[in-house]
PDB file of N, CA and C in Angstrom:
ATOM      1  N   UNK A   1     -35.407 144.890  74.435  1.00  0.00           N
ATOM      2  CA  UNK A   1     -35.652 143.678  73.700  1.00  0.00           C
ATOM      3  C   UNK A   1     -35.250 142.495  74.568  1.00  0.00           C
ATOM      4  N   UNK A   2     -36.093 141.500  74.638  1.00  0.00           N
ATOM      5  CA  UNK A   2     -35.810 140.280  75.373  1.00  0.00           C
ATOM      6  C   UNK A   2     -35.500 139.167  74.395  1.00  0.00           C
ATOM      7  N   UNK A   3     -34.410 138.451  74.644  1.00  0.00           N
ATOM      8  CA  UNK A   3     -34.021 137.340  73.778  1.00  0.00           C
ATOM      9  C   UNK A   3     -33.912 136.081  74.623  1.00  0.00           C
ATOM     10  N   UNK A   4     -34.630 135.052  74.228  1.00  0.00           N
ATOM     11  CA  UNK A   4     -34.518 133.752  74.892  1.00  0.00           C
ATOM     12  C   UNK A   4     -33.339 133.009  74.295  1.00  0.00           C
ATOM     13  N   UNK A   5     -32.619 132.286  75.106  1.00  0.00           N
ATOM     14  CA  UNK A   5     -31.454 131.543  74.642  1.00  0.00           C
ATOM     15  C   UNK A   5     -31.695 130.052  74.788  1.00  0.00           C
ATOM     16  N   UNK A   6     -31.450 129.320  73.729  1.00  0.00           N
ATOM     17  CA  UNK A   6     -31.520 127.864  73.775  1.00  0.00           C
ATOM     18  C   UNK A   6     -30.160 127.358  74.204  1.00  0.00           C
ATOM     19  N   UNK A   7     -30.093 126.658  75.310  1.00  0.00           N
ATOM     20  CA  UNK A   7     -28.827 126.151  75.820  1.00  0.00           C
ATOM     21  C   UNK A   7     -28.603 124.718  75.352  1.00  0.00           C
ATOM     22  N   UNK A   8     -28.598 124.514  74.052  1.00  0.00           N
ATOM     23  CA  UNK A   8     -28.346 123.190  73.494  1.00  0.00           C
ATOM     24  C   UNK A   8     -27.798 123.355  72.083  1.00  0.00           C
ATOM     25  N   UNK A   9     -27.122 122.359  71.552  1.00  0.00           N
ATOM     26  CA  UNK A   9     -26.549 122.466  70.200  1.00  0.00           C
ATOM     27  C   UNK A   9     -27.636 122.592  69.138  1.00  0.00           C
ATOM     28  N   UNK A  10     -27.275 123.164  68.029  1.00  0.00           N
ATOM     29  CA  UNK A  10     -28.208 123.374  66.926  1.00  0.00           C
ATOM     30  C   UNK A  10     -28.853 122.073  66.468  1.00  0.00           C
ATOM     31  N   UNK A  11     -28.125 120.980  66.457  1.00  0.00           N
ATOM     32  CA  UNK A  11     -28.662 119.708  65.978  1.00  0.00           C
ATOM     33  C   UNK A  11     -29.876 119.267  66.781  1.00  0.00           C
ATOM     34  N   UNK A  12     -30.007 119.738  68.005  1.00  0.00           N
ATOM     35  CA  UNK A  12     -31.121 119.337  68.861  1.00  0.00           C
ATOM     36  C   UNK A  12     -32.362 120.202  68.644  1.00  0.00           C
ATOM     37  N   UNK A  13     -32.263 121.220  67.818  1.00  0.00           N
ATOM     38  CA  UNK A  13     -33.385 122.115  67.585  1.00  0.00           C
ATOM     39  C   UNK A  13     -34.247 121.558  66.460  1.00  0.00           C
ATOM     40  N   UNK A  14     -35.524 121.286  66.752  1.00  0.00           N
ATOM     41  CA  UNK A  14     -36.436 120.789  65.731  1.00  0.00           C
ATOM     42  C   UNK A  14     -36.961 121.950  64.915  1.00  0.00           C
ATOM     43  N   UNK A  15     -37.612 121.660  63.793  1.00  0.00           N
ATOM     44  CA  UNK A  15     -38.156 122.711  62.934  1.00  0.00           C
ATOM     45  C   UNK A  15     -39.176 123.558  63.685  1.00  0.00           C
ATOM     46  N   UNK A  16     -40.025 122.940  64.511  1.00  0.00           N
ATOM     47  CA  UNK A  16     -41.013 123.693  65.274  1.00  0.00           C
ATOM     48  C   UNK A  16     -40.353 124.607  66.292  1.00  0.00           C
ATOM     49  N   UNK A  17     -39.327 124.102  66.983  1.00  0.00           N
ATOM     50  CA  UNK A  17     -38.619 124.913  67.969  1.00  0.00           C
ATOM     51  C   UNK A  17     -37.872 126.053  67.288  1.00  0.00           C
ATOM     52  N   UNK A  18     -37.308 125.787  66.115  1.00  0.00           N
ATOM     53  CA  UNK A  18     -36.544 126.804  65.413  1.00  0.00           C
ATOM     54  C   UNK A  18     -37.425 127.983  65.035  1.00  0.00           C
ATOM     55  N   UNK A  19     -38.689 127.723  64.698  1.00  0.00           N
ATOM     56  CA  UNK A  19     -39.560 128.824  64.312  1.00  0.00           C
ATOM     57  C   UNK A  19     -39.864 129.727  65.497  1.00  0.00           C
ATOM     58  N   UNK A  20     -39.771 129.198  66.734  1.00  0.00           N
ATOM     59  CA  UNK A  20     -39.997 129.993  67.929  1.00  0.00           C
ATOM     60  C   UNK A  20     -38.700 130.558  68.495  1.00  0.00           C
ATOM     61  N   UNK A  21     -37.557 130.051  68.044  1.00  0.00           N
ATOM     62  CA  UNK A  21     -36.262 130.439  68.596  1.00  0.00           C
ATOM     63  C   UNK A  21     -35.884 131.846  68.166  1.00  0.00           C
ATOM     64  N   UNK A  22     -35.336 132.606  69.081  1.00  0.00           N
ATOM     65  CA  UNK A  22     -34.804 133.923  68.774  1.00  0.00           C
ATOM     66  C   UNK A  22     -33.292 133.941  68.938  1.00  0.00           C
ATOM     67  N   UNK A  23     -32.743 132.884  69.568  1.00  0.00           N
ATOM     68  CA  UNK A  23     -31.316 132.821  69.818  1.00  0.00           C
ATOM     69  C   UNK A  23     -30.881 131.362  69.928  1.00  0.00           C
ATOM     70  N   UNK A  24     -29.677 131.087  69.429  1.00  0.00           N
ATOM     71  CA  UNK A  24     -29.119 129.741  69.511  1.00  0.00           C
ATOM     72  C   UNK A  24     -27.716 129.857  70.088  1.00  0.00           C
ATOM     73  N   UNK A  25     -27.443 129.121  71.159  1.00  0.00           N
ATOM     74  CA  UNK A  25     -26.144 129.106  71.807  1.00  0.00           C
ATOM     75  C   UNK A  25     -25.376 127.892  71.304  1.00  0.00           C
ATOM     76  N   UNK A  26     -24.152 128.099  70.824  1.00  0.00           N
ATOM     77  CA  UNK A  26     -23.371 127.013  70.222  1.00  0.00           C
ATOM     78  C   UNK A  26     -21.961 126.958  70.782  1.00  0.00           C
ATOM     79  N   UNK A  27     -21.413 125.738  70.848  1.00  0.00           N
ATOM     80  CA  UNK A  27     -20.028 125.551  71.250  1.00  0.00           C
ATOM     81  C   UNK A  27     -19.394 124.540  70.309  1.00  0.00           C
ATOM     82  N   UNK A  28     -18.167 124.830  69.864  1.00  0.00           N
ATOM     83  CA  UNK A  28     -17.472 123.986  68.893  1.00  0.00           C
ATOM     84  C   UNK A  28     -16.075 123.664  69.374  1.00  0.00           C
ATOM     85  N   UNK A  29     -15.536 122.517  68.902  1.00  0.00           N
ATOM     86  CA  UNK A  29     -14.173 122.141  69.261  1.00  0.00           C
ATOM     87  C   UNK A  29     -13.228 122.189  68.061  1.00  0.00           C
ATOM     88  N   UNK A  30     -13.781 122.253  66.836  1.00  0.00           N
ATOM     89  CA  UNK A  30     -12.927 122.353  65.641  1.00  0.00           C
ATOM     90  C   UNK A  30     -13.443 123.453  64.723  1.00  0.00           C
ATOM     91  N   UNK A  31     -12.562 123.925  63.862  1.00  0.00           N
ATOM     92  CA  UNK A  31     -12.932 124.978  62.918  1.00  0.00           C
ATOM     93  C   UNK A  31     -13.988 124.486  61.922  1.00  0.00           C
ATOM     94  N   UNK A  32     -13.879 123.239  61.482  1.00  0.00           N
ATOM     95  CA  UNK A  32     -14.866 122.690  60.549  1.00  0.00           C
ATOM     96  C   UNK A  32     -16.256 122.667  61.176  1.00  0.00           C
ATOM     97  N   UNK A  33     -16.332 122.229  62.439  1.00  0.00           N
ATOM     98  CA  UNK A  33     -17.619 122.233  63.146  1.00  0.00           C
ATOM     99  C   UNK A  33     -18.163 123.660  63.250  1.00  0.00           C
ATOM    100  N   UNK A  34     -17.261 124.599  63.544  1.00  0.00           N
ATOM    101  CA  UNK A  34     -17.670 125.986  63.720  1.00  0.00           C
ATOM    102  C   UNK A  34     -18.293 126.549  62.445  1.00  0.00           C
ATOM    103  N   UNK A  35     -17.613 126.393  61.318  1.00  0.00           N
ATOM    104  CA  UNK A  35     -18.124 126.948  60.064  1.00  0.00           C
ATOM    105  C   UNK A  35     -19.474 126.341  59.696  1.00  0.00           C
ATOM    106  N   UNK A  36     -19.574 125.036  59.764  1.00  0.00           N
ATOM    107  CA  UNK A  36     -20.831 124.367  59.428  1.00  0.00           C
ATOM    108  C   UNK A  36     -21.934 124.724  60.435  1.00  0.00           C
ATOM    109  N   UNK A  37     -21.605 124.723  61.703  1.00  0.00           N
ATOM    110  CA  UNK A  37     -22.599 125.019  62.742  1.00  0.00           C
ATOM    111  C   UNK A  37     -23.131 126.434  62.659  1.00  0.00           C
ATOM    112  N   UNK A  38     -22.245 127.412  62.427  1.00  0.00           N
ATOM    113  CA  UNK A  38     -22.701 128.805  62.312  1.00  0.00           C
ATOM    114  C   UNK A  38     -23.549 129.001  61.065  1.00  0.00           C
ATOM    115  N   UNK A  39     -23.148 128.386  59.955  1.00  0.00           N
ATOM    116  CA  UNK A  39     -23.961 128.468  58.730  1.00  0.00           C
ATOM    117  C   UNK A  39     -25.356 127.892  58.967  1.00  0.00           C
ATOM    118  N   UNK A  40     -25.424 126.749  59.640  1.00  0.00           N
ATOM    119  CA  UNK A  40     -26.714 126.112  59.920  1.00  0.00           C
ATOM    120  C   UNK A  40     -27.555 126.951  60.873  1.00  0.00           C
ATOM    121  N   UNK A  41     -26.925 127.553  61.878  1.00  0.00           N
ATOM    122  CA  UNK A  41     -27.656 128.379  62.837  1.00  0.00           C
ATOM    123  C   UNK A  41     -28.247 129.609  62.154  1.00  0.00           C
ATOM    124  N   UNK A  42     -27.465 130.260  61.309  1.00  0.00           N
ATOM    125  CA  UNK A  42     -27.974 131.427  60.579  1.00  0.00           C
ATOM    126  C   UNK A  42     -29.125 131.004  59.677  1.00  0.00           C
ATOM    127  N   UNK A  43     -28.971 129.887  58.979  1.00  0.00           N
ATOM    128  CA  UNK A  43     -30.038 129.395  58.105  1.00  0.00           C
ATOM    129  C   UNK A  43     -31.312 129.097  58.900  1.00  0.00           C
ATOM    130  N   UNK A  44     -31.153 128.573  60.111  1.00  0.00           N
ATOM    131  CA  UNK A  44     -32.294 128.256  60.964  1.00  0.00           C
ATOM    132  C   UNK A  44     -33.062 129.513  61.369  1.00  0.00           C
ATOM    133  N   UNK A  45     -32.341 130.621  61.559  1.00  0.00           N
ATOM    134  CA  UNK A  45     -32.994 131.849  62.030  1.00  0.00           C
ATOM    135  C   UNK A  45     -33.477 132.768  60.907  1.00  0.00           C
ATOM    136  N   UNK A  46     -33.259 132.397  59.658  1.00  0.00           N
ATOM    137  CA  UNK A  46     -33.692 133.267  58.560  1.00  0.00           C
ATOM    138  C   UNK A  46     -35.206 133.442  58.547  1.00  0.00           C
ATOM    139  N   UNK A  47     -35.967 132.376  58.664  1.00  0.00           N
ATOM    140  CA  UNK A  47     -37.435 132.505  58.655  1.00  0.00           C
ATOM    141  C   UNK A  47     -37.951 133.315  59.849  1.00  0.00           C
ATOM    142  N   UNK A  48     -37.490 133.004  61.087  1.00  0.00           N
ATOM    143  CA  UNK A  48     -37.927 133.840  62.206  1.00  0.00           C
ATOM    144  C   UNK A  48     -37.525 135.311  62.033  1.00  0.00           C
ATOM    145  N   UNK A  49     -36.386 135.571  61.384  1.00  0.00           N
ATOM    146  CA  UNK A  49     -35.961 136.953  61.143  1.00  0.00           C
ATOM    147  C   UNK A  49     -36.918 137.650  60.186  1.00  0.00           C
ATOM    148  N   UNK A  50     -37.426 136.922  59.204  1.00  0.00           N
ATOM    149  CA  UNK A  50     -38.408 137.503  58.282  1.00  0.00           C
ATOM    150  C   UNK A  50     -39.666 137.894  59.036  1.00  0.00           C
ATOM    151  N   UNK A  51     -40.120 137.006  59.934  1.00  0.00           N
ATOM    152  CA  UNK A  51     -41.323 137.292  60.714  1.00  0.00           C
ATOM    153  C   UNK A  51     -41.119 138.483  61.640  1.00  0.00           C
ATOM    154  N   UNK A  52     -39.916 138.614  62.208  1.00  0.00           N
ATOM    155  CA  UNK A  52     -39.623 139.694  63.145  1.00  0.00           C
ATOM    156  C   UNK A  52     -39.141 140.960  62.436  1.00  0.00           C
ATOM    157  N   UNK A  53     -38.908 140.871  61.126  1.00  0.00           N
ATOM    158  CA  UNK A  53     -38.404 141.990  60.327  1.00  0.00           C
ATOM    159  C   UNK A  53     -37.130 142.578  60.935  1.00  0.00           C
ATOM    160  N   UNK A  54     -36.194 141.688  61.281  1.00  0.00           N
ATOM    161  CA  UNK A  54     -34.917 142.142  61.821  1.00  0.00           C
ATOM    162  C   UNK A  54     -33.800 141.283  61.238  1.00  0.00           C
ATOM    163  N   UNK A  55     -32.569 141.627  61.580  1.00  0.00           N
ATOM    164  CA  UNK A  55     -31.421 140.886  61.093  1.00  0.00           C
ATOM    165  C   UNK A  55     -30.937 139.880  62.120  1.00  0.00           C
ATOM    166  N   UNK A  56     -29.774 139.296  61.826  1.00  0.00           N
ATOM    167  CA  UNK A  56     -29.189 138.256  62.667  1.00  0.00           C
ATOM    168  C   UNK A  56     -27.812 138.718  63.121  1.00  0.00           C
ATOM    169  N   UNK A  57     -27.538 138.538  64.419  1.00  0.00           N
ATOM    170  CA  UNK A  57     -26.244 138.901  64.988  1.00  0.00           C
ATOM    171  C   UNK A  57     -25.541 137.639  65.479  1.00  0.00           C
ATOM    172  N   UNK A  58     -24.318 137.425  64.982  1.00  0.00           N
ATOM    173  CA  UNK A  58     -23.490 136.301  65.421  1.00  0.00           C
ATOM    174  C   UNK A  58     -22.434 136.878  66.361  1.00  0.00           C
ATOM    175  N   UNK A  59     -22.456 136.441  67.623  1.00  0.00           N
ATOM    176  CA  UNK A  59     -21.525 136.969  68.623  1.00  0.00           C
ATOM    177  C   UNK A  59     -20.587 135.875  69.102  1.00  0.00           C
ATOM    178  N   UNK A  60     -19.290 136.158  69.022  1.00  0.00           N
ATOM    179  CA  UNK A  60     -18.274 135.234  69.557  1.00  0.00           C
ATOM    180  C   UNK A  60     -18.093 135.579  71.028  1.00  0.00           C
ATOM    181  N   UNK A  61     -18.462 134.652  71.897  1.00  0.00           N
ATOM    182  CA  UNK A  61     -18.375 134.880  73.335  1.00  0.00           C
ATOM    183  C   UNK A  61     -16.982 134.581  73.872  1.00  0.00           C
ATOM    184  N   UNK A  62     -16.369 133.540  73.350  1.00  0.00           N
ATOM    185  CA  UNK A  62     -15.001 133.128  73.661  1.00  0.00           C
ATOM    186  C   UNK A  62     -14.623 132.102  72.587  1.00  0.00           C
ATOM    187  N   UNK A  63     -13.364 131.675  72.520  1.00  0.00           N
ATOM    188  CA  UNK A  63     -12.996 130.722  71.472  1.00  0.00           C
ATOM    189  C   UNK A  63     -13.900 129.484  71.476  1.00  0.00           C
ATOM    190  N   UNK A  64     -14.516 129.232  70.340  1.00  0.00           N
ATOM    191  CA  UNK A  64     -15.381 128.073  70.172  1.00  0.00           C
ATOM    192  C   UNK A  64     -16.796 128.241  70.680  1.00  0.00           C
ATOM    193  N   UNK A  65     -17.130 129.371  71.292  1.00  0.00           N
ATOM    194  CA  UNK A  65     -18.472 129.587  71.871  1.00  0.00           C
ATOM    195  C   UNK A  65     -19.125 130.800  71.207  1.00  0.00           C
ATOM    196  N   UNK A  66     -20.334 130.592  70.654  1.00  0.00           N
ATOM    197  CA  UNK A  66     -21.040 131.626  69.896  1.00  0.00           C
ATOM    198  C   UNK A  66     -22.516 131.675  70.258  1.00  0.00           C
ATOM    199  N   UNK A  67     -23.114 132.831  70.041  1.00  0.00           N
ATOM    200  CA  UNK A  67     -24.557 132.988  70.098  1.00  0.00           C
ATOM    201  C   UNK A  67     -24.986 133.564  68.758  1.00  0.00           C
ATOM    202  N   UNK A  68     -25.994 132.956  68.157  1.00  0.00           N
ATOM    203  CA  UNK A  68     -26.581 133.448  66.915  1.00  0.00           C
ATOM    204  C   UNK A  68     -28.004 133.863  67.277  1.00  0.00           C
ATOM    205  N   UNK A  69     -28.330 135.148  67.073  1.00  0.00           N
ATOM    206  CA  UNK A  69     -29.608 135.657  67.573  1.00  0.00           C
ATOM    207  C   UNK A  69     -30.236 136.667  66.635  1.00  0.00           C
ATOM    208  N   UNK A  70     -31.562 136.723  66.693  1.00  0.00           N
ATOM    209  CA  UNK A  70     -32.268 137.806  66.019  1.00  0.00           C
ATOM    210  C   UNK A  70     -31.950 139.085  66.783  1.00  0.00           C
ATOM    211  N   UNK A  71     -31.734 140.179  66.045  1.00  0.00           N
ATOM    212  CA  UNK A  71     -31.375 141.426  66.701  1.00  0.00           C
ATOM    213  C   UNK A  71     -32.000 142.595  65.953  1.00  0.00           C
ATOM    214  N   UNK A  72     -32.796 143.386  66.659  1.00  0.00           N
ATOM    215  CA  UNK A  72     -33.494 144.514  66.037  1.00  0.00           C
ATOM    216  C   UNK A  72     -32.558 145.628  65.601  1.00  0.00           C
ATOM    217  N   UNK A  73     -31.320 145.654  66.135  1.00  0.00           N
ATOM    218  CA  UNK A  73     -30.371 146.683  65.722  1.00  0.00           C
ATOM    219  C   UNK A  73     -29.688 146.330  64.400  1.00  0.00           C
ATOM    220  N   UNK A  74     -29.863 145.095  63.941  1.00  0.00           N
ATOM    221  CA  UNK A  74     -29.309 144.657  62.654  1.00  0.00           C
ATOM    222  C   UNK A  74     -30.402 144.815  61.603  1.00  0.00           C
ATOM    223  N   UNK A  75     -30.092 145.509  60.502  1.00  0.00           N
ATOM    224  CA  UNK A  75     -31.116 145.709  59.466  1.00  0.00           C
ATOM    225  C   UNK A  75     -31.643 144.390  58.902  1.00  0.00           C
ATOM    226  N   UNK A  76     -32.924 144.387  58.573  1.00  0.00           N
ATOM    227  CA  UNK A  76     -33.571 143.216  57.994  1.00  0.00           C
ATOM    228  C   UNK A  76     -32.791 142.735  56.777  1.00  0.00           C
ATOM    229  N   UNK A  77     -32.577 141.429  56.686  1.00  0.00           N
ATOM    230  CA  UNK A  77     -31.889 140.836  55.549  1.00  0.00           C
ATOM    231  C   UNK A  77     -30.377 140.792  55.679  1.00  0.00           C
ATOM    232  N   UNK A  78     -29.837 141.283  56.802  1.00  0.00           N
ATOM    233  CA  UNK A  78     -28.392 141.296  56.985  1.00  0.00           C
ATOM    234  C   UNK A  78     -27.983 140.464  58.193  1.00  0.00           C
ATOM    235  N   UNK A  79     -26.726 140.003  58.172  1.00  0.00           N
ATOM    236  CA  UNK A  79     -26.155 139.273  59.286  1.00  0.00           C
ATOM    237  C   UNK A  79     -24.869 139.991  59.690  1.00  0.00           C
ATOM    238  N   UNK A  80     -24.789 140.372  60.971  1.00  0.00           N
ATOM    239  CA  UNK A  80     -23.584 141.046  61.482  1.00  0.00           C
ATOM    240  C   UNK A  80     -22.855 140.094  62.417  1.00  0.00           C
ATOM    241  N   UNK A  81     -21.554 140.349  62.569  1.00  0.00           N
ATOM    242  CA  UNK A  81     -20.729 139.584  63.490  1.00  0.00           C
ATOM    243  C   UNK A  81     -20.180 140.520  64.547  1.00  0.00           C
ATOM    244  N   UNK A  82     -20.033 140.021  65.775  1.00  0.00           N
ATOM    245  CA  UNK A  82     -19.411 140.816  66.833  1.00  0.00           C
ATOM    246  C   UNK A  82     -18.629 139.896  67.752  1.00  0.00           C
ATOM    247  N   UNK A  83     -17.746 140.504  68.526  1.00  0.00           N
ATOM    248  CA  UNK A  83     -16.971 139.774  69.526  1.00  0.00           C
ATOM    249  C   UNK A  83     -17.300 140.387  70.873  1.00  0.00           C
ATOM    250  N   UNK A  84     -17.731 139.546  71.821  1.00  0.00           N
ATOM    251  CA  UNK A  84     -18.070 140.034  73.159  1.00  0.00           C
ATOM    252  C   UNK A  84     -16.805 140.520  73.846  1.00  0.00           C
ATOM    253  N   UNK A  85     -16.927 141.627  74.529  1.00  0.00           N
ATOM    254  CA  UNK A  85     -15.754 142.228  75.206  1.00  0.00           C
ATOM    255  C   UNK A  85     -15.403 141.499  76.466  1.00  0.00           C
TER     256      UNK A  85
END
């Protein structure tokens, strides 16, 4: 599976880009930003996940840095969390 990564904050993703997006790379400096940003990123990928018939994986890369991506190993309609080793 190939996943393209958007190297920009979620706020910069337009509705048209979001429909083509398979992954969103995010970085946060506060917990409030993190919670709101991750919720928005998951919401952005729900429609593309329906089209791809897969779930969404939220991966913590390091403190404050996350990737939210469509993932075929996640069952359709579910969102999983992981921490990169």
